Amino acid sequence: MRDTAVVVSVAGEIDSNSVGSLQPHLDRAVEAADEHPAKLLIVELSRVGYFGSAGLNAVLECYEKGLAAGVTVRLVAANPEVVRPIEVTKLDKVLRPYGSVADAVDA
């Protein structure tokens, strides 16, 4: 947790085999951000090598839970392997990927 936001960093491959361990972390991060004065959660995906549909669903669910709790959820992703599925599914209209944590905080 930082002064300006709650940041959850994700690494590795996010697919149907690994998403089960990611989802509880995202849920706890939303809860922590709800308690944080800024009500801002940054999901940092810079170290993710593969981002499948299960990852998209997990991040979208995190966004929706954040929305329901009054928490702003922003993504950090510069890796084309992560950005491409977000853009192809048009989720970038809702979950715009930022190039850095600082950019996401300042947006």
PDB file of N, CA and C in Angstrom:
ATOM      1  N   MET A   1       0.850  -1.178   0.000  1.00  0.00           N
ATOM      2  CA  MET A   1       0.000   0.000   0.000  1.00  0.00           C
ATOM      3  C   MET A   1       0.892   1.236   0.000  1.00  0.00           C
ATOM      4  N   ARG A   2       0.528   2.202  -0.785  1.00  0.00           N
ATOM      5  CA  ARG A   2       1.256   3.465  -0.852  1.00  0.00           C
ATOM      6  C   ARG A   2       0.363   4.580  -0.337  1.00  0.00           C
ATOM      7  N   ASP A   3       0.932   5.764  -0.183  1.00  0.00           N
ATOM      8  CA  ASP A   3       0.147   6.892   0.307  1.00  0.00           C
ATOM      9  C   ASP A   3      -0.950   7.304  -0.665  1.00  0.00           C
ATOM     10  N   THR A   4      -0.681   7.149  -1.963  1.00  0.00           N
ATOM     11  CA  THR A   4      -1.614   7.632  -2.977  1.00  0.00           C
ATOM     12  C   THR A   4      -2.576   6.587  -3.506  1.00  0.00           C
ATOM     13  N   ALA A   5      -2.267   5.307  -3.274  1.00  0.00           N
ATOM     14  CA  ALA A   5      -3.111   4.238  -3.824  1.00  0.00           C
ATOM     15  C   ALA A   5      -2.705   2.907  -3.230  1.00  0.00           C
ATOM     16  N   VAL A   6      -3.575   1.932  -3.382  1.00  0.00           N
ATOM     17  CA  VAL A   6      -3.230   0.539  -3.107  1.00  0.00           C
ATOM     18  C   VAL A   6      -2.734  -0.030  -4.433  1.00  0.00           C
ATOM     19  N   VAL A   7      -1.566  -0.658  -4.409  1.00  0.00           N
ATOM     20  CA  VAL A   7      -0.982  -1.223  -5.627  1.00  0.00           C
ATOM     21  C   VAL A   7      -0.822  -2.725  -5.442  1.00  0.00           C
ATOM     22  N   VAL A   8      -1.364  -3.488  -6.383  1.00  0.00           N
ATOM     23  CA  VAL A   8      -1.157  -4.931  -6.389  1.00  0.00           C
ATOM     24  C   VAL A   8      -0.360  -5.255  -7.655  1.00  0.00           C
ATOM     25  N   SER A   9       0.802  -5.870  -7.470  1.00  0.00           N
ATOM     26  CA  SER A   9       1.661  -6.232  -8.591  1.00  0.00           C
ATOM     27  C   SER A   9       1.476  -7.701  -8.922  1.00  0.00           C
ATOM     28  N   VAL A  10       1.289  -7.972 -10.194  1.00  0.00           N
ATOM     29  CA  VAL A  10       1.052  -9.329 -10.673  1.00  0.00           C
ATOM     30  C   VAL A  10       2.198  -9.705 -11.604  1.00  0.00           C
ATOM     31  N   ALA A  11       2.659 -10.956 -11.501  1.00  0.00           N
ATOM     32  CA  ALA A  11       3.744 -11.426 -12.353  1.00  0.00           C
ATOM     33  C   ALA A  11       3.437 -12.833 -12.847  1.00  0.00           C
ATOM     34  N   GLY A  12       4.069 -13.214 -13.932  1.00  0.00           N
ATOM     35  CA  GLY A  12       3.920 -14.565 -14.458  1.00  0.00           C
ATOM     36  C   GLY A  12       2.873 -14.647 -15.542  1.00  0.00           C
ATOM     37  N   GLU A  13       2.263 -15.812 -15.647  1.00  0.00           N
ATOM     38  CA  GLU A  13       1.240 -16.051 -16.653  1.00  0.00           C
ATOM     39  C   GLU A  13      -0.131 -16.116 -15.988  1.00  0.00           C
ATOM     40  N   ILE A  14      -1.083 -15.397 -16.566  1.00  0.00           N
ATOM     41  CA  ILE A  14      -2.438 -15.392 -16.039  1.00  0.00           C
ATOM     42  C   ILE A  14      -3.317 -16.146 -17.033  1.00  0.00           C
ATOM     43  N   ASP A  15      -3.671 -17.349 -16.648  1.00  0.00           N
ATOM     44  CA  ASP A  15      -4.520 -18.192 -17.486  1.00  0.00           C
ATOM     45  C   ASP A  15      -5.507 -18.944 -16.593  1.00  0.00           C
ATOM     46  N   SER A  16      -6.226 -19.872 -17.173  1.00  0.00           N
ATOM     47  CA  SER A  16      -7.250 -20.578 -16.399  1.00  0.00           C
ATOM     48  C   SER A  16      -6.659 -21.401 -15.260  1.00  0.00           C
ATOM     49  N   ASN A  17      -5.389 -21.780 -15.365  1.00  0.00           N
ATOM     50  CA  ASN A  17      -4.747 -22.550 -14.296  1.00  0.00           C
ATOM     51  C   ASN A  17      -4.291 -21.686 -13.131  1.00  0.00           C
ATOM     52  N   SER A  18      -3.959 -20.437 -13.398  1.00  0.00           N
ATOM     53  CA  SER A  18      -3.394 -19.582 -12.347  1.00  0.00           C
ATOM     54  C   SER A  18      -4.366 -18.541 -11.798  1.00  0.00           C
ATOM     55  N   VAL A  19      -5.453 -18.292 -12.501  1.00  0.00           N
ATOM     56  CA  VAL A  19      -6.353 -17.217 -12.092  1.00  0.00           C
ATOM     57  C   VAL A  19      -6.995 -17.474 -10.734  1.00  0.00           C
ATOM     58  N   GLY A  20      -7.143 -18.729 -10.367  1.00  0.00           N
ATOM     59  CA  GLY A  20      -7.732 -19.051  -9.073  1.00  0.00           C
ATOM     60  C   GLY A  20      -6.939 -18.514  -7.901  1.00  0.00           C
ATOM     61  N   SER A  21      -5.630 -18.408  -8.058  1.00  0.00           N
ATOM     62  CA  SER A  21      -4.814 -17.839  -6.986  1.00  0.00           C
ATOM     63  C   SER A  21      -4.749 -16.315  -7.072  1.00  0.00           C
ATOM     64  N   LEU A  22      -5.029 -15.756  -8.239  1.00  0.00           N
ATOM     65  CA  LEU A  22      -5.006 -14.298  -8.409  1.00  0.00           C
ATOM     66  C   LEU A  22      -6.262 -13.641  -7.852  1.00  0.00           C
ATOM     67  N   GLN A  23      -7.410 -14.230  -8.107  1.00  0.00           N
ATOM     68  CA  GLN A  23      -8.684 -13.592  -7.752  1.00  0.00           C
ATOM     69  C   GLN A  23      -8.784 -13.200  -6.278  1.00  0.00           C
ATOM     70  N   PRO A  24      -8.390 -14.063  -5.325  1.00  0.00           N
ATOM     71  CA  PRO A  24      -8.474 -13.639  -3.918  1.00  0.00           C
ATOM     72  C   PRO A  24      -7.583 -12.427  -3.606  1.00  0.00           C
ATOM     73  N   HIS A  25      -6.436 -12.330  -4.272  1.00  0.00           N
ATOM     74  CA  HIS A  25      -5.563 -11.172  -4.064  1.00  0.00           C
ATOM     75  C   HIS A  25      -6.227  -9.896  -4.580  1.00  0.00           C
ATOM     76  N   LEU A  26      -6.863  -9.998  -5.729  1.00  0.00           N
ATOM     77  CA  LEU A  26      -7.560  -8.832  -6.266  1.00  0.00           C
ATOM     78  C   LEU A  26      -8.730  -8.436  -5.364  1.00  0.00           C
ATOM     79  N   ASP A  27      -9.450  -9.435  -4.851  1.00  0.00           N
ATOM     80  CA  ASP A  27     -10.562  -9.138  -3.936  1.00  0.00           C
ATOM     81  C   ASP A  27     -10.072  -8.419  -2.682  1.00  0.00           C
ATOM     82  N   ARG A  28      -8.970  -8.906  -2.108  1.00  0.00           N
ATOM     83  CA  ARG A  28      -8.410  -8.257  -0.911  1.00  0.00           C
ATOM     84  C   ARG A  28      -7.905  -6.851  -1.237  1.00  0.00           C
ATOM     85  N   ALA A  29      -7.373  -6.683  -2.443  1.00  0.00           N
ATOM     86  CA  ALA A  29      -6.886  -5.361  -2.841  1.00  0.00           C
ATOM     87  C   ALA A  29      -8.042  -4.365  -2.957  1.00  0.00           C
ATOM     88  N   VAL A  30      -9.170  -4.803  -3.482  1.00  0.00           N
ATOM     89  CA  VAL A  30     -10.348  -3.926  -3.544  1.00  0.00           C
ATOM     90  C   VAL A  30     -10.786  -3.546  -2.136  1.00  0.00           C
ATOM     91  N   GLU A  31     -10.804  -4.508  -1.230  1.00  0.00           N
ATOM     92  CA  GLU A  31     -11.174  -4.225   0.159  1.00  0.00           C
ATOM     93  C   GLU A  31     -10.206  -3.230   0.794  1.00  0.00           C
ATOM     94  N   ALA A  32      -8.913  -3.418   0.545  1.00  0.00           N
ATOM     95  CA  ALA A  32      -7.909  -2.499   1.095  1.00  0.00           C
ATOM     96  C   ALA A  32      -8.078  -1.101   0.506  1.00  0.00           C
ATOM     97  N   ALA A  33      -8.343  -1.022  -0.788  1.00  0.00           N
ATOM     98  CA  ALA A  33      -8.526   0.283  -1.437  1.00  0.00           C
ATOM     99  C   ALA A  33      -9.782   0.968  -0.914  1.00  0.00           C
ATOM    100  N   ASP A  34     -10.789   0.185  -0.559  1.00  0.00           N
ATOM    101  CA  ASP A  34     -12.012   0.754  -0.001  1.00  0.00           C
ATOM    102  C   ASP A  34     -11.739   1.425   1.341  1.00  0.00           C
ATOM    103  N   GLU A  35     -10.745   0.921   2.066  1.00  0.00           N
ATOM    104  CA  GLU A  35     -10.355   1.501   3.361  1.00  0.00           C
ATOM    105  C   GLU A  35      -9.349   2.647   3.192  1.00  0.00           C
ATOM    106  N   HIS A  36      -8.740   2.750   2.029  1.00  0.00           N
ATOM    107  CA  HIS A  36      -7.704   3.752   1.766  1.00  0.00           C
ATOM    108  C   HIS A  36      -8.357   5.102   1.465  1.00  0.00           C
ATOM    109  N   PRO A  37      -7.788   6.190   1.966  1.00  0.00           N
ATOM    110  CA  PRO A  37      -8.392   7.506   1.725  1.00  0.00           C
ATOM    111  C   PRO A  37      -8.555   7.854   0.243  1.00  0.00           C
ATOM    112  N   ALA A  38      -7.631   7.412  -0.607  1.00  0.00           N
ATOM    113  CA  ALA A  38      -7.700   7.753  -2.031  1.00  0.00           C
ATOM    114  C   ALA A  38      -8.721   6.912  -2.786  1.00  0.00           C
ATOM    115  N   LYS A  39      -9.112   5.767  -2.219  1.00  0.00           N
ATOM    116  CA  LYS A  39     -10.048   4.847  -2.886  1.00  0.00           C
ATOM    117  C   LYS A  39      -9.588   4.558  -4.316  1.00  0.00           C
ATOM    118  N   LEU A  40      -8.285   4.293  -4.449  1.00  0.00           N
ATOM    119  CA  LEU A  40      -7.675   4.032  -5.750  1.00  0.00           C
ATOM    120  C   LEU A  40      -6.886   2.734  -5.680  1.00  0.00           C
ATOM    121  N   LEU A  41      -7.171   1.826  -6.610  1.00  0.00           N
ATOM    122  CA  LEU A  41      -6.456   0.558  -6.716  1.00  0.00           C
ATOM    123  C   LEU A  41      -5.753   0.510  -8.062  1.00  0.00           C
ATOM    124  N   ILE A  42      -4.455   0.257  -8.025  1.00  0.00           N
ATOM    125  CA  ILE A  42      -3.660   0.090  -9.236  1.00  0.00           C
ATOM    126  C   ILE A  42      -3.306  -1.387  -9.360  1.00  0.00           C
ATOM    127  N   VAL A  43      -3.711  -2.000 -10.465  1.00  0.00           N
ATOM    128  CA  VAL A  43      -3.347  -3.388 -10.755  1.00  0.00           C
ATOM    129  C   VAL A  43      -2.188  -3.324 -11.737  1.00  0.00           C
ATOM    130  N   GLU A  44      -1.009  -3.643 -11.248  1.00  0.00           N
ATOM    131  CA  GLU A  44       0.237  -3.487 -12.006  1.00  0.00           C
ATOM    132  C   GLU A  44       0.573  -4.816 -12.687  1.00  0.00           C
ATOM    133  N   LEU A  45       0.478  -4.825 -14.025  1.00  0.00           N
ATOM    134  CA  LEU A  45       0.642  -6.048 -14.811  1.00  0.00           C
ATOM    135  C   LEU A  45       1.915  -6.039 -15.656  1.00  0.00           C
ATOM    136  N   SER A  46       2.871  -5.195 -15.336  1.00  0.00           N
ATOM    137  CA  SER A  46       4.079  -5.050 -16.162  1.00  0.00           C
ATOM    138  C   SER A  46       4.910  -6.315 -16.247  1.00  0.00           C
ATOM    139  N   ARG A  47       4.833  -7.176 -15.227  1.00  0.00           N
ATOM    140  CA  ARG A  47       5.647  -8.395 -15.227  1.00  0.00           C
ATOM    141  C   ARG A  47       4.841  -9.633 -15.609  1.00  0.00           C
ATOM    142  N   VAL A  48       3.694  -9.416 -16.250  1.00  0.00           N
ATOM    143  CA  VAL A  48       2.878 -10.527 -16.735  1.00  0.00           C
ATOM    144  C   VAL A  48       3.321 -10.862 -18.157  1.00  0.00           C
ATOM    145  N   GLY A  49       3.622 -12.138 -18.398  1.00  0.00           N
ATOM    146  CA  GLY A  49       4.074 -12.564 -19.709  1.00  0.00           C
ATOM    147  C   GLY A  49       2.960 -13.055 -20.606  1.00  0.00           C
ATOM    148  N   TYR A  50       1.935 -13.648 -20.007  1.00  0.00           N
ATOM    149  CA  TYR A  50       0.786 -14.140 -20.775  1.00  0.00           C
ATOM    150  C   TYR A  50      -0.475 -13.707 -20.042  1.00  0.00           C
ATOM    151  N   PHE A  51      -1.422 -13.203 -20.800  1.00  0.00           N
ATOM    152  CA  PHE A  51      -2.656 -12.671 -20.226  1.00  0.00           C
ATOM    153  C   PHE A  51      -3.824 -13.199 -21.047  1.00  0.00           C
ATOM    154  N   GLY A  52      -4.392 -14.316 -20.627  1.00  0.00           N
ATOM    155  CA  GLY A  52      -5.483 -14.945 -21.360  1.00  0.00           C
ATOM    156  C   GLY A  52      -6.843 -14.417 -20.946  1.00  0.00           C
ATOM    157  N   SER A  53      -7.869 -15.050 -21.478  1.00  0.00           N
ATOM    158  CA  SER A  53      -9.236 -14.604 -21.204  1.00  0.00           C
ATOM    159  C   SER A  53      -9.578 -14.700 -19.714  1.00  0.00           C
ATOM    160  N   ALA A  54      -8.988 -15.668 -19.028  1.00  0.00           N
ATOM    161  CA  ALA A  54      -9.232 -15.774 -17.580  1.00  0.00           C
ATOM    162  C   ALA A  54      -8.688 -14.534 -16.866  1.00  0.00           C
ATOM    163  N   GLY A  55      -7.548 -14.030 -17.307  1.00  0.00           N
ATOM    164  CA  GLY A  55      -6.984 -12.804 -16.741  1.00  0.00           C
ATOM    165  C   GLY A  55      -7.867 -11.606 -17.014  1.00  0.00           C
ATOM    166  N   LEU A  56      -8.359 -11.517 -18.248  1.00  0.00           N
ATOM    167  CA  LEU A  56      -9.284 -10.434 -18.589  1.00  0.00           C
ATOM    168  C   LEU A  56     -10.508 -10.461 -17.689  1.00  0.00           C
ATOM    169  N   ASN A  57     -11.073 -11.643 -17.508  1.00  0.00           N
ATOM    170  CA  ASN A  57     -12.258 -11.772 -16.663  1.00  0.00           C
ATOM    171  C   ASN A  57     -11.960 -11.390 -15.217  1.00  0.00           C
ATOM    172  N   ALA A  58     -10.807 -11.798 -14.710  1.00  0.00           N
ATOM    173  CA  ALA A  58     -10.445 -11.475 -13.326  1.00  0.00           C
ATOM    174  C   ALA A  58     -10.297  -9.971 -13.135  1.00  0.00           C
ATOM    175  N   VAL A  59      -9.647  -9.319 -14.080  1.00  0.00           N
ATOM    176  CA  VAL A  59      -9.446  -7.871 -13.975  1.00  0.00           C
ATOM    177  C   VAL A  59     -10.772  -7.132 -14.135  1.00  0.00           C
ATOM    178  N   LEU A  60     -11.610  -7.609 -15.039  1.00  0.00           N
ATOM    179  CA  LEU A  60     -12.921  -6.987 -15.211  1.00  0.00           C
ATOM    180  C   LEU A  60     -13.780  -7.155 -13.955  1.00  0.00           C
ATOM    181  N   GLU A  61     -13.729  -8.335 -13.349  1.00  0.00           N
ATOM    182  CA  GLU A  61     -14.468  -8.565 -12.104  1.00  0.00           C
ATOM    183  C   GLU A  61     -13.940  -7.655 -10.998  1.00  0.00           C
ATOM    184  N   CYS A  62     -12.623  -7.491 -10.941  1.00  0.00           N
ATOM    185  CA  CYS A  62     -12.015  -6.586  -9.963  1.00  0.00           C
ATOM    186  C   CYS A  62     -12.516  -5.159 -10.193  1.00  0.00           C
ATOM    187  N   TYR A  63     -12.556  -4.738 -11.441  1.00  0.00           N
ATOM    188  CA  TYR A  63     -13.051  -3.406 -11.786  1.00  0.00           C
ATOM    189  C   TYR A  63     -14.495  -3.230 -11.325  1.00  0.00           C
ATOM    190  N   GLU A  64     -15.331  -4.242 -11.603  1.00  0.00           N
ATOM    191  CA  GLU A  64     -16.749  -4.159 -11.231  1.00  0.00           C
ATOM    192  C   GLU A  64     -16.938  -4.138  -9.721  1.00  0.00           C
ATOM    193  N   LYS A  65     -16.146  -4.934  -8.991  1.00  0.00           N
ATOM    194  CA  LYS A  65     -16.219  -4.905  -7.524  1.00  0.00           C
ATOM    195  C   LYS A  65     -15.758  -3.557  -6.994  1.00  0.00           C
ATOM    196  N   GLY A  66     -14.729  -3.009  -7.607  1.00  0.00           N
ATOM    197  CA  GLY A  66     -14.263  -1.684  -7.219  1.00  0.00           C
ATOM    198  C   GLY A  66     -15.330  -0.632  -7.454  1.00  0.00           C
ATOM    199  N   LEU A  67     -15.952  -0.691  -8.615  1.00  0.00           N
ATOM    200  CA  LEU A  67     -17.014   0.254  -8.951  1.00  0.00           C
ATOM    201  C   LEU A  67     -18.129   0.196  -7.920  1.00  0.00           C
ATOM    202  N   ALA A  68     -18.532  -1.011  -7.552  1.00  0.00           N
ATOM    203  CA  ALA A  68     -19.594  -1.184  -6.561  1.00  0.00           C
ATOM    204  C   ALA A  68     -19.194  -0.637  -5.192  1.00  0.00           C
ATOM    205  N   ALA A  69     -17.898  -0.678  -4.888  1.00  0.00           N
ATOM    206  CA  ALA A  69     -17.408  -0.206  -3.589  1.00  0.00           C
ATOM    207  C   ALA A  69     -16.997   1.266  -3.608  1.00  0.00           C
ATOM    208  N   GLY A  70     -17.083   1.907  -4.767  1.00  0.00           N
ATOM    209  CA  GLY A  70     -16.649   3.295  -4.868  1.00  0.00           C
ATOM    210  C   GLY A  70     -15.139   3.440  -5.007  1.00  0.00           C
ATOM    211  N   VAL A  71     -14.488   2.386  -5.473  1.00  0.00           N
ATOM    212  CA  VAL A  71     -13.033   2.369  -5.656  1.00  0.00           C
ATOM    213  C   VAL A  71     -12.721   2.489  -7.140  1.00  0.00           C
ATOM    214  N   THR A  72     -11.798   3.364  -7.484  1.00  0.00           N
ATOM    215  CA  THR A  72     -11.327   3.474  -8.859  1.00  0.00           C
ATOM    216  C   THR A  72     -10.243   2.435  -9.081  1.00  0.00           C
ATOM    217  N   VAL A  73     -10.376   1.647 -10.138  1.00  0.00           N
ATOM    218  CA  VAL A  73      -9.392   0.617 -10.475  1.00  0.00           C
ATOM    219  C   VAL A  73      -8.725   1.021 -11.783  1.00  0.00           C
ATOM    220  N   ARG A  74      -7.391   1.069 -11.771  1.00  0.00           N
ATOM    221  CA  ARG A  74      -6.617   1.389 -12.970  1.00  0.00           C
ATOM    222  C   ARG A  74      -5.570   0.311 -13.205  1.00  0.00           C
ATOM    223  N   LEU A  75      -5.275   0.061 -14.474  1.00  0.00           N
ATOM    224  CA  LEU A  75      -4.290  -0.951 -14.855  1.00  0.00           C
ATOM    225  C   LEU A  75      -2.993  -0.306 -15.300  1.00  0.00           C
ATOM    226  N   VAL A  76      -1.891  -0.975 -14.992  1.00  0.00           N
ATOM    227  CA  VAL A  76      -0.590  -0.604 -15.533  1.00  0.00           C
ATOM    228  C   VAL A  76      -0.137  -1.775 -16.382  1.00  0.00           C
ATOM    229  N   ALA A  77       0.012  -1.532 -17.677  1.00  0.00           N
ATOM    230  CA  ALA A  77       0.424  -2.586 -18.596  1.00  0.00           C
ATOM    231  C   ALA A  77       1.026  -1.948 -19.837  1.00  0.00           C
ATOM    232  N   ALA A  78       2.280  -2.244 -20.097  1.00  0.00           N
ATOM    233  CA  ALA A  78       2.923  -1.760 -21.306  1.00  0.00           C
ATOM    234  C   ALA A  78       3.289  -2.924 -22.228  1.00  0.00           C
ATOM    235  N   ASN A  79       3.281  -4.138 -21.685  1.00  0.00           N
ATOM    236  CA  ASN A  79       3.642  -5.325 -22.443  1.00  0.00           C
ATOM    237  C   ASN A  79       2.556  -5.611 -23.495  1.00  0.00           C
ATOM    238  N   PRO A  80       2.929  -5.718 -24.770  1.00  0.00           N
ATOM    239  CA  PRO A  80       1.933  -6.001 -25.807  1.00  0.00           C
ATOM    240  C   PRO A  80       1.146  -7.289 -25.561  1.00  0.00           C
ATOM    241  N   GLU A  81       1.750  -8.264 -24.878  1.00  0.00           N
ATOM    242  CA  GLU A  81       1.049  -9.520 -24.580  1.00  0.00           C
ATOM    243  C   GLU A  81      -0.123  -9.297 -23.634  1.00  0.00           C
ATOM    244  N   VAL A  82      -0.080  -8.216 -22.879  1.00  0.00           N
ATOM    245  CA  VAL A  82      -1.171  -7.875 -21.960  1.00  0.00           C
ATOM    246  C   VAL A  82      -2.100  -6.843 -22.592  1.00  0.00           C
ATOM    247  N   VAL A  83      -1.522  -5.848 -23.229  1.00  0.00           N
ATOM    248  CA  VAL A  83      -2.313  -4.759 -23.802  1.00  0.00           C
ATOM    249  C   VAL A  83      -3.178  -5.242 -24.965  1.00  0.00           C
ATOM    250  N   ARG A  84      -2.630  -6.096 -25.805  1.00  0.00           N
ATOM    251  CA  ARG A  84      -3.356  -6.544 -27.004  1.00  0.00           C
ATOM    252  C   ARG A  84      -4.719  -7.175 -26.671  1.00  0.00           C
ATOM    253  N   PRO A  85      -4.800  -8.139 -25.745  1.00  0.00           N
ATOM    254  CA  PRO A  85      -6.131  -8.700 -25.439  1.00  0.00           C
ATOM    255  C   PRO A  85      -7.101  -7.661 -24.863  1.00  0.00           C
ATOM    256  N   ILE A  86      -6.581  -6.705 -24.144  1.00  0.00           N
ATOM    257  CA  ILE A  86      -7.435  -5.647 -23.588  1.00  0.00           C
ATOM    258  C   ILE A  86      -8.010  -4.798 -24.721  1.00  0.00           C
ATOM    259  N   GLU A  87      -7.167  -4.470 -25.697  1.00  0.00           N
ATOM    260  CA  GLU A  87      -7.622  -3.655 -26.823  1.00  0.00           C
ATOM    261  C   GLU A  87      -8.545  -4.430 -27.763  1.00  0.00           C
ATOM    262  N   VAL A  88      -8.210  -5.677 -28.046  1.00  0.00           N
ATOM    263  CA  VAL A  88      -9.014  -6.490 -28.968  1.00  0.00           C
ATOM    264  C   VAL A  88     -10.436  -6.656 -28.458  1.00  0.00           C
ATOM    265  N   THR A  89     -10.582  -6.807 -27.151  1.00  0.00           N
ATOM    266  CA  THR A  89     -11.913  -6.973 -26.554  1.00  0.00           C
ATOM    267  C   THR A  89     -12.595  -5.636 -26.253  1.00  0.00           C
ATOM    268  N   LYS A  90     -11.935  -4.549 -26.603  1.00  0.00           N
ATOM    269  CA  LYS A  90     -12.460  -3.191 -26.371  1.00  0.00           C
ATOM    270  C   LYS A  90     -12.566  -2.830 -24.892  1.00  0.00           C
ATOM    271  N   LEU A  91     -11.941  -3.620 -24.028  1.00  0.00           N
ATOM    272  CA  LEU A  91     -11.948  -3.293 -22.602  1.00  0.00           C
ATOM    273  C   LEU A  91     -11.106  -2.061 -22.291  1.00  0.00           C
ATOM    274  N   ASP A  92     -10.249  -1.653 -23.241  1.00  0.00           N
ATOM    275  CA  ASP A  92      -9.450  -0.456 -23.017  1.00  0.00           C
ATOM    276  C   ASP A  92     -10.321   0.793 -22.919  1.00  0.00           C
ATOM    277  N   LYS A  93     -11.571   0.698 -23.358  1.00  0.00           N
ATOM    278  CA  LYS A  93     -12.507   1.820 -23.213  1.00  0.00           C
ATOM    279  C   LYS A  93     -12.933   1.979 -21.754  1.00  0.00           C
ATOM    280  N   VAL A  94     -12.880   0.867 -21.012  1.00  0.00           N
ATOM    281  CA  VAL A  94     -13.267   0.859 -19.598  1.00  0.00           C
ATOM    282  C   VAL A  94     -12.020   0.812 -18.714  1.00  0.00           C
ATOM    283  N   LEU A  95     -11.079  -0.045 -19.077  1.00  0.00           N
ATOM    284  CA  LEU A  95      -9.860  -0.260 -18.302  1.00  0.00           C
ATOM    285  C   LEU A  95      -8.658   0.173 -19.119  1.00  0.00           C
ATOM    286  N   ARG A  96      -8.471   1.453 -19.230  1.00  0.00           N
ATOM    287  CA  ARG A  96      -7.361   1.979 -20.020  1.00  0.00           C
ATOM    288  C   ARG A  96      -6.037   1.589 -19.372  1.00  0.00           C
ATOM    289  N   PRO A  97      -5.143   0.915 -20.117  1.00  0.00           N
ATOM    290  CA  PRO A  97      -3.845   0.573 -19.534  1.00  0.00           C
ATOM    291  C   PRO A  97      -2.899   1.779 -19.530  1.00  0.00           C
ATOM    292  N   TYR A  98      -2.267   2.005 -18.395  1.00  0.00           N
ATOM    293  CA  TYR A  98      -1.287   3.083 -18.249  1.00  0.00           C
ATOM    294  C   TYR A  98       0.115   2.503 -18.332  1.00  0.00           C
ATOM    295  N   GLY A  99       1.075   3.325 -18.680  1.00  0.00           N
ATOM    296  CA  GLY A  99       2.448   2.870 -18.863  1.00  0.00           C
ATOM    297  C   GLY A  99       3.230   2.697 -17.581  1.00  0.00           C
ATOM    298  N   SER A 100       2.793   3.341 -16.502  1.00  0.00           N
ATOM    299  CA  SER A 100       3.509   3.240 -15.225  1.00  0.00           C
ATOM    300  C   SER A 100       2.538   3.470 -14.073  1.00  0.00           C
ATOM    301  N   VAL A 101       2.970   3.079 -12.893  1.00  0.00           N
ATOM    302  CA  VAL A 101       2.159   3.323 -11.700  1.00  0.00           C
ATOM    303  C   VAL A 101       1.965   4.826 -11.507  1.00  0.00           C
ATOM    304  N   ALA A 102       3.023   5.589 -11.723  1.00  0.00           N
ATOM    305  CA  ALA A 102       2.919   7.045 -11.566  1.00  0.00           C
ATOM    306  C   ALA A 102       1.878   7.631 -12.517  1.00  0.00           C
ATOM    307  N   ASP A 103       1.872   7.167 -13.773  1.00  0.00           N
ATOM    308  CA  ASP A 103       0.872   7.651 -14.735  1.00  0.00           C
ATOM    309  C   ASP A 103      -0.541   7.289 -14.286  1.00  0.00           C
ATOM    310  N   ALA A 104      -0.708   6.077 -13.767  1.00  0.00           N
ATOM    311  CA  ALA A 104      -2.028   5.632 -13.317  1.00  0.00           C
ATOM    312  C   ALA A 104      -2.499   6.449 -12.112  1.00  0.00           C
ATOM    313  N   VAL A 105      -1.599   6.746 -11.206  1.00  0.00           N
ATOM    314  CA  VAL A 105      -1.951   7.538 -10.027  1.00  0.00           C
ATOM    315  C   VAL A 105      -2.318   8.963 -10.439  1.00  0.00           C
ATOM    316  N   ASP A 106      -1.557   9.532 -11.374  1.00  0.00           N
ATOM    317  CA  ASP A 106      -1.765  10.920 -11.778  1.00  0.00           C
ATOM    318  C   ASP A 106      -2.950  11.131 -12.711  1.00  0.00           C
ATOM    319  N   ALA A 107      -3.498  10.056 -13.271  1.00  0.00           N
ATOM    320  CA  ALA A 107      -4.586  10.189 -14.266  1.00  0.00           C
ATOM    321  C   ALA A 107      -5.847  10.769 -13.657  1.00  0.00           C
TER     322      ALA A 107
END
